[in-house]
Protein backbone atom coordinates (compact mmCIF):
# COMPACT_ATOMS: atom_id res chain seq x y z
CA MET A 1 115.84 -2.55 165.15
CA LYS A 2 113.72 -5.65 165.35
CA PHE A 3 109.95 -5.41 165.39
CA ILE A 4 107.95 -8.02 167.23
CA ARG A 5 104.23 -8.35 166.78
CA GLU A 6 102.63 -8.70 170.18
CA PRO A 7 99.46 -10.75 170.48
CA GLY A 8 96.29 -8.76 171.21
CA SER A 9 94.74 -8.86 174.63
CA ALA A 10 91.50 -10.63 175.52
CA VAL A 11 89.67 -7.35 174.90
CA THR A 12 91.14 -6.58 171.49
CA VAL A 13 88.33 -6.06 168.98
CA ARG A 14 89.14 -8.43 166.13
CA HIS A 15 86.08 -8.07 163.89
CA VAL A 16 83.25 -5.54 163.56
CA GLU A 17 79.98 -5.89 161.70
CA LYS A 18 76.51 -4.52 162.30
CA GLY A 19 74.97 -6.54 165.11
CA MET A 20 78.17 -8.38 166.15
CA LEU A 21 81.67 -7.78 167.48
CA LYS A 22 84.45 -10.33 167.87
CA ILE A 23 86.33 -9.39 171.05
CA GLY A 24 89.26 -11.64 171.81
CA ASP A 25 87.78 -15.06 171.12
CA GLN A 26 84.21 -14.08 172.07
CA SER A 27 81.38 -13.14 169.71
CA VAL A 28 79.33 -10.32 171.23
CA THR A 29 75.85 -9.46 169.98
CA GLU A 30 74.96 -6.71 172.46
CA ASN A 31 76.29 -3.28 173.37
CA VAL A 32 79.39 -3.45 175.53
CA ILE A 33 81.75 -1.41 177.65
CA LEU A 34 85.40 -2.39 177.30
CA PHE A 35 88.30 -1.71 179.60
CA ARG A 36 91.88 -2.89 179.08
CA ASP A 37 91.13 -6.10 180.96
CA GLU A 38 87.35 -6.39 181.15
CA ILE A 39 84.23 -6.71 179.01
CA ARG A 40 80.91 -5.51 180.45
CA ARG A 41 77.96 -6.68 178.39
CA GLY A 42 74.51 -5.25 177.92
CA TRP A 43 75.13 -1.52 178.25
CA ARG A 44 72.04 0.45 177.28
CA ALA A 45 71.33 4.18 177.12
CA ALA A 46 67.89 5.60 176.56
CA ASP A 47 69.01 7.81 173.66
CA ILE A 48 72.59 8.06 172.38
CA GLN A 49 71.96 11.48 170.83
CA ASN A 50 71.01 12.81 174.28
CA LEU A 51 73.61 10.90 176.26
CA GLN A 52 74.13 12.21 179.80
CA GLU A 53 76.69 11.72 182.52
CA THR A 54 74.20 9.59 184.49
CA ASP A 55 74.16 7.07 181.60
CA LEU A 56 77.88 6.43 182.21
CA LEU A 57 78.18 6.48 186.02
CA ASP A 58 79.55 2.92 186.35
CA LEU A 59 82.13 3.64 183.69
CA ILE A 60 83.10 7.04 185.14
CA ALA A 61 83.68 5.38 188.53
CA GLU A 62 86.56 3.44 186.92
CA LYS A 63 88.25 6.78 186.00
CA PRO A 64 89.65 5.91 182.58
CA GLU A 65 92.08 8.36 181.00
CA ILE A 66 90.00 8.45 177.82
CA LEU A 67 86.57 7.20 176.82
CA VAL A 68 85.94 6.24 173.21
CA PHE A 69 82.25 6.07 172.36
CA GLY A 70 81.16 4.06 169.33
CA CYS A 71 77.66 5.27 168.47
CA GLY A 72 76.75 2.64 165.87
CA TRP A 73 77.11 3.00 162.12
CA ARG A 74 76.58 6.73 161.92
CA SER A 75 78.67 9.52 163.35
CA LEU A 76 77.11 11.84 165.87
CA LEU A 77 78.38 14.93 167.61
CA PRO A 78 78.94 14.35 171.32
CA PRO A 79 76.66 16.20 173.73
CA ARG A 80 78.56 19.32 174.77
CA ASP A 81 77.52 19.10 178.44
CA LEU A 82 78.79 15.52 178.64
CA VAL A 83 82.16 16.43 177.10
CA PHE A 84 82.63 19.21 179.67
CA ALA A 85 81.43 17.07 182.59
CA LEU A 86 83.94 14.33 181.72
CA ALA A 87 86.73 16.87 181.15
CA ARG A 88 86.15 18.25 184.68
CA LYS A 89 86.76 14.69 185.93
CA GLY A 90 89.96 14.40 183.87
CA ILE A 91 88.44 11.99 181.32
CA GLY A 92 88.91 12.63 177.60
CA PHE A 93 85.90 11.83 175.43
CA GLU A 94 85.69 10.97 171.74
CA MET A 95 82.52 9.97 169.91
CA MET A 96 82.69 8.25 166.51
CA ASP A 97 81.11 5.40 164.57
CA THR A 98 81.60 1.97 166.13
CA PRO A 99 84.17 0.61 163.62
CA ALA A 100 86.37 3.70 164.16
CA ALA A 101 85.90 3.44 167.93
CA CYS A 102 87.04 -0.20 167.85
CA ARG A 103 90.20 0.70 165.92
CA THR A 104 90.93 3.64 168.24
CA PHE A 105 90.39 1.54 171.39
CA ASN A 106 92.71 -1.19 170.07
CA ILE A 107 95.44 1.37 169.40
CA LEU A 108 95.06 3.01 172.81
CA ILE A 109 95.26 -0.25 174.77
CA SER A 110 98.18 -1.47 172.64
CA GLU A 111 100.01 1.70 173.75
CA GLY A 112 99.28 0.85 177.38
CA ARG A 113 96.80 3.71 177.80
CA ASP A 114 94.04 3.53 180.40
CA ALA A 115 91.18 3.60 177.92
CA ALA A 116 87.57 2.52 177.97
CA ALA A 117 85.13 2.12 175.11
CA VAL A 118 81.38 2.03 174.86
CA LEU A 119 80.40 0.21 171.69
CA ALA A 120 76.88 0.23 170.27
CA ILE A 121 76.45 -2.56 167.74
CA ASP A 122 73.25 -1.50 166.01
């Protein structure tokens, strides 16, 4: 069996540090929402610890299979009501620190999964 390394897509997260992400060939210094083929800059929620479904309406409209939420450099538990609201819509939800969310998103899109990620950089 021969293994071939496929190049990453334009939305592959290539580098993560506090305050900056390298996505494809772009340096991003603001929170972002990523889809398999799109980067949406400037996402902002009032309070990540109290995240609600209304904070993610634009993302939910795209109906990703799974949403990976990078909540910065600390891990938080996802709001229970949000997890259940997304599950009722058929969307899986995982919340983790941003570096872990970047790795998870990269793996999911490399597998051809319909994933989205919200990445907080601070």
